[in-house]
Amino acid sequence: MKRFKKKYERAGVLKEFRKRAYFVKPSVDSRLKRSRCKRRAQRANEESNS
């Protein structure tokens, strides 16, 4: 069971399923992507400063 679960996670099946659960408009998707990148950059900046 563990092997199956790991293989399942590595394949990205759950991620794909969540992504296809509902439609996200391309404009909203790009906005979310930008905010994720901004947040990631802020975290990286905070870690490098400390």
PDB file of N, CA and C in Angstrom:
ATOM      1  N   MET A   1       0.828  -1.201   0.000  1.00  0.00           N
ATOM      2  CA  MET A   1       0.000   0.000   0.000  1.00  0.00           C
ATOM      3  C   MET A   1       0.872   1.264   0.000  1.00  0.00           C
ATOM      4  N   LYS A   2       1.932   1.256   0.813  1.00  0.00           N
ATOM      5  CA  LYS A   2       2.800   2.431   0.871  1.00  0.00           C
ATOM      6  C   LYS A   2       3.421   2.732  -0.493  1.00  0.00           C
ATOM      7  N   ARG A   3       3.872   1.664  -1.155  1.00  0.00           N
ATOM      8  CA  ARG A   3       4.494   1.841  -2.466  1.00  0.00           C
ATOM      9  C   ARG A   3       3.517   2.458  -3.460  1.00  0.00           C
ATOM     10  N   PHE A   4       2.292   1.965  -3.436  1.00  0.00           N
ATOM     11  CA  PHE A   4       1.262   2.483  -4.332  1.00  0.00           C
ATOM     12  C   PHE A   4       1.004   3.957  -4.047  1.00  0.00           C
ATOM     13  N   LYS A   5       0.906   4.294  -2.765  1.00  0.00           N
ATOM     14  CA  LYS A   5       0.624   5.676  -2.374  1.00  0.00           C
ATOM     15  C   LYS A   5       1.742   6.609  -2.849  1.00  0.00           C
ATOM     16  N   LYS A   6       2.988   6.197  -2.654  1.00  0.00           N
ATOM     17  CA  LYS A   6       4.115   7.027  -3.084  1.00  0.00           C
ATOM     18  C   LYS A   6       4.118   7.206  -4.597  1.00  0.00           C
ATOM     19  N   LYS A   7       3.871   6.119  -5.313  1.00  0.00           N
ATOM     20  CA  LYS A   7       3.854   6.185  -6.772  1.00  0.00           C
ATOM     21  C   LYS A   7       2.738   7.121  -7.234  1.00  0.00           C
ATOM     22  N   TYR A   8       1.600   7.039  -6.561  1.00  0.00           N
ATOM     23  CA  TYR A   8       0.427   7.856  -6.849  1.00  0.00           C
ATOM     24  C   TYR A   8       0.757   9.337  -6.649  1.00  0.00           C
ATOM     25  N   GLU A   9       1.435   9.647  -5.525  1.00  0.00           N
ATOM     26  CA  GLU A   9       1.792  11.034  -5.222  1.00  0.00           C
ATOM     27  C   GLU A   9       2.813  11.569  -6.223  1.00  0.00           C
ATOM     28  N   ARG A  10       3.807  10.748  -6.548  1.00  0.00           N
ATOM     29  CA  ARG A  10       4.849  11.187  -7.482  1.00  0.00           C
ATOM     30  C   ARG A  10       4.290  11.450  -8.873  1.00  0.00           C
ATOM     31  N   ALA A  11       3.296  10.694  -9.246  1.00  0.00           N
ATOM     32  CA  ALA A  11       2.708  10.856 -10.575  1.00  0.00           C
ATOM     33  C   ALA A  11       1.916  12.158 -10.678  1.00  0.00           C
ATOM     34  N   GLY A  12       1.538  12.744  -9.547  1.00  0.00           N
ATOM     35  CA  GLY A  12       0.803  14.001  -9.554  1.00  0.00           C
ATOM     36  C   GLY A  12      -0.666  13.836  -9.868  1.00  0.00           C
ATOM     37  N   VAL A  13      -1.217  12.666  -9.582  1.00  0.00           N
ATOM     38  CA  VAL A  13      -2.615  12.388  -9.904  1.00  0.00           C
ATOM     39  C   VAL A  13      -3.543  13.268  -9.078  1.00  0.00           C
ATOM     40  N   LEU A  14      -3.275  13.375  -7.774  1.00  0.00           N
ATOM     41  CA  LEU A  14      -4.139  14.195  -6.920  1.00  0.00           C
ATOM     42  C   LEU A  14      -4.072  15.668  -7.309  1.00  0.00           C
ATOM     43  N   LYS A  15      -2.866  16.132  -7.609  1.00  0.00           N
ATOM     44  CA  LYS A  15      -2.700  17.531  -8.006  1.00  0.00           C
ATOM     45  C   LYS A  15      -3.509  17.825  -9.265  1.00  0.00           C
ATOM     46  N   GLU A  16      -3.418  16.915 -10.224  1.00  0.00           N
ATOM     47  CA  GLU A  16      -4.160  17.060 -11.479  1.00  0.00           C
ATOM     48  C   GLU A  16      -5.665  17.029 -11.228  1.00  0.00           C
ATOM     49  N   PHE A  17      -6.099  16.147 -10.340  1.00  0.00           N
ATOM     50  CA  PHE A  17      -7.518  16.024 -10.022  1.00  0.00           C
ATOM     51  C   PHE A  17      -8.051  17.312  -9.406  1.00  0.00           C
ATOM     52  N   ARG A  18      -7.297  17.881  -8.463  1.00  0.00           N
ATOM     53  CA  ARG A  18      -7.721  19.132  -7.825  1.00  0.00           C
ATOM     54  C   ARG A  18      -7.767  20.267  -8.844  1.00  0.00           C
ATOM     55  N   LYS A  19      -6.800  20.262  -9.748  1.00  0.00           N
ATOM     56  CA  LYS A  19      -6.739  21.314 -10.764  1.00  0.00           C
ATOM     57  C   LYS A  19      -7.960  21.262 -11.679  1.00  0.00           C
ATOM     58  N   ARG A  20      -8.415  20.059 -12.009  1.00  0.00           N
ATOM     59  CA  ARG A  20      -9.538  19.898 -12.926  1.00  0.00           C
ATOM     60  C   ARG A  20     -10.898  19.883 -12.234  1.00  0.00           C
ATOM     61  N   ALA A  21     -10.928  20.032 -10.923  1.00  0.00           N
ATOM     62  CA  ALA A  21     -12.187  19.967 -10.179  1.00  0.00           C
ATOM     63  C   ALA A  21     -13.135  21.093 -10.605  1.00  0.00           C
ATOM     64  N   TYR A  22     -12.557  22.253 -10.913  1.00  0.00           N
ATOM     65  CA  TYR A  22     -13.386  23.364 -11.374  1.00  0.00           C
ATOM     66  C   TYR A  22     -12.560  24.240 -12.304  1.00  0.00           C
ATOM     67  N   PHE A  23     -13.240  24.993 -13.151  1.00  0.00           N
ATOM     68  CA  PHE A  23     -12.569  25.824 -14.140  1.00  0.00           C
ATOM     69  C   PHE A  23     -12.134  27.145 -13.527  1.00  0.00           C
ATOM     70  N   VAL A  24     -10.915  27.540 -13.808  1.00  0.00           N
ATOM     71  CA  VAL A  24     -10.398  28.836 -13.385  1.00  0.00           C
ATOM     72  C   VAL A  24     -10.064  29.616 -14.644  1.00  0.00           C
ATOM     73  N   LYS A  25     -10.627  30.818 -14.732  1.00  0.00           N
ATOM     74  CA  LYS A  25     -10.382  31.640 -15.914  1.00  0.00           C
ATOM     75  C   LYS A  25      -8.889  31.939 -16.046  1.00  0.00           C
ATOM     76  N   PRO A  26      -8.391  32.024 -17.272  1.00  0.00           N
ATOM     77  CA  PRO A  26      -6.964  32.283 -17.471  1.00  0.00           C
ATOM     78  C   PRO A  26      -6.481  33.575 -16.811  1.00  0.00           C
ATOM     79  N   SER A  27      -7.315  34.614 -16.813  1.00  0.00           N
ATOM     80  CA  SER A  27      -6.899  35.874 -16.193  1.00  0.00           C
ATOM     81  C   SER A  27      -6.754  35.708 -14.683  1.00  0.00           C
ATOM     82  N   VAL A  28      -7.668  34.977 -14.078  1.00  0.00           N
ATOM     83  CA  VAL A  28      -7.604  34.722 -12.636  1.00  0.00           C
ATOM     84  C   VAL A  28      -6.402  33.836 -12.333  1.00  0.00           C
ATOM     85  N   ASP A  29      -6.179  32.865 -13.190  1.00  0.00           N
ATOM     86  CA  ASP A  29      -5.057  31.948 -13.005  1.00  0.00           C
ATOM     87  C   ASP A  29      -3.730  32.699 -13.025  1.00  0.00           C
ATOM     88  N   SER A  30      -3.576  33.614 -13.974  1.00  0.00           N
ATOM     89  CA  SER A  30      -2.321  34.369 -14.058  1.00  0.00           C
ATOM     90  C   SER A  30      -2.171  35.297 -12.856  1.00  0.00           C
ATOM     91  N   ARG A  31      -3.282  35.863 -12.377  1.00  0.00           N
ATOM     92  CA  ARG A  31      -3.225  36.727 -11.202  1.00  0.00           C
ATOM     93  C   ARG A  31      -2.768  35.938  -9.976  1.00  0.00           C
ATOM     94  N   LEU A  32      -3.332  34.740  -9.812  1.00  0.00           N
ATOM     95  CA  LEU A  32      -2.936  33.885  -8.695  1.00  0.00           C
ATOM     96  C   LEU A  32      -1.471  33.475  -8.819  1.00  0.00           C
ATOM     97  N   LYS A  33      -1.050  33.197 -10.033  1.00  0.00           N
ATOM     98  CA  LYS A  33       0.334  32.792 -10.266  1.00  0.00           C
ATOM     99  C   LYS A  33       1.291  33.921  -9.874  1.00  0.00           C
ATOM    100  N   ARG A  34       0.936  35.158 -10.251  1.00  0.00           N
ATOM    101  CA  ARG A  34       1.775  36.304  -9.889  1.00  0.00           C
ATOM    102  C   ARG A  34       1.860  36.482  -8.384  1.00  0.00           C
ATOM    103  N   SER A  35       0.709  36.334  -7.693  1.00  0.00           N
ATOM    104  CA  SER A  35       0.719  36.506  -6.241  1.00  0.00           C
ATOM    105  C   SER A  35       1.527  35.400  -5.564  1.00  0.00           C
ATOM    106  N   ARG A  36       1.452  34.175  -6.105  1.00  0.00           N
ATOM    107  CA  ARG A  36       2.254  33.077  -5.546  1.00  0.00           C
ATOM    108  C   ARG A  36       3.742  33.364  -5.707  1.00  0.00           C
ATOM    109  N   CYS A  37       4.117  33.864  -6.877  1.00  0.00           N
ATOM    110  CA  CYS A  37       5.523  34.183  -7.137  1.00  0.00           C
ATOM    111  C   CYS A  37       6.009  35.301  -6.217  1.00  0.00           C
ATOM    112  N   LYS A  38       5.156  36.300  -6.024  1.00  0.00           N
ATOM    113  CA  LYS A  38       5.515  37.416  -5.162  1.00  0.00           C
ATOM    114  C   LYS A  38       5.729  36.937  -3.728  1.00  0.00           C
ATOM    115  N   ARG A  39       4.807  36.088  -3.246  1.00  0.00           N
ATOM    116  CA  ARG A  39       4.915  35.549  -1.895  1.00  0.00           C
ATOM    117  C   ARG A  39       6.185  34.709  -1.742  1.00  0.00           C
ATOM    118  N   ARG A  40       6.458  33.883  -2.755  1.00  0.00           N
ATOM    119  CA  ARG A  40       7.651  33.031  -2.725  1.00  0.00           C
ATOM    120  C   ARG A  40       8.917  33.885  -2.685  1.00  0.00           C
ATOM    121  N   ALA A  41       8.934  34.979  -3.454  1.00  0.00           N
ATOM    122  CA  ALA A  41      10.091  35.870  -3.486  1.00  0.00           C
ATOM    123  C   ALA A  41      10.279  36.561  -2.138  1.00  0.00           C
ATOM    124  N   GLN A  42       9.173  36.978  -1.512  1.00  0.00           N
ATOM    125  CA  GLN A  42       9.265  37.614  -0.202  1.00  0.00           C
ATOM    126  C   GLN A  42       9.838  36.659   0.829  1.00  0.00           C
ATOM    127  N   ARG A  43       9.372  35.405   0.813  1.00  0.00           N
ATOM    128  CA  ARG A  43       9.885  34.403   1.749  1.00  0.00           C
ATOM    129  C   ARG A  43      11.372  34.171   1.534  1.00  0.00           C
ATOM    130  N   ALA A  44      11.785  34.062   0.291  1.00  0.00           N
ATOM    131  CA  ALA A  44      13.198  33.838  -0.022  1.00  0.00           C
ATOM    132  C   ALA A  44      14.033  35.032   0.433  1.00  0.00           C
ATOM    133  N   ASN A  45      13.495  36.226   0.258  1.00  0.00           N
ATOM    134  CA  ASN A  45      14.188  37.440   0.668  1.00  0.00           C
ATOM    135  C   ASN A  45      14.326  37.494   2.184  1.00  0.00           C
ATOM    136  N   GLU A  46      13.264  37.133   2.908  1.00  0.00           N
ATOM    137  CA  GLU A  46      13.307  37.132   4.371  1.00  0.00           C
ATOM    138  C   GLU A  46      14.321  36.118   4.882  1.00  0.00           C
ATOM    139  N   GLU A  47      14.371  34.945   4.264  1.00  0.00           N
ATOM    140  CA  GLU A  47      15.303  33.907   4.696  1.00  0.00           C
ATOM    141  C   GLU A  47      16.747  34.325   4.444  1.00  0.00           C
ATOM    142  N   SER A  48      16.999  35.005   3.338  1.00  0.00           N
ATOM    143  CA  SER A  48      18.369  35.417   3.038  1.00  0.00           C
ATOM    144  C   SER A  48      18.816  36.559   3.956  1.00  0.00           C
ATOM    145  N   ASN A  49      17.875  37.366   4.427  1.00  0.00           N
ATOM    146  CA  ASN A  49      18.212  38.475   5.316  1.00  0.00           C
ATOM    147  C   ASN A  49      18.488  38.013   6.739  1.00  0.00           C
ATOM    148  N   SER A  50      17.858  36.920   7.173  1.00  0.00           N
ATOM    149  CA  SER A  50      18.052  36.494   8.560  1.00  0.00           C
ATOM    150  C   SER A  50      19.267  35.651   8.761  1.00  0.00           C
TER     151      SER A  50
END
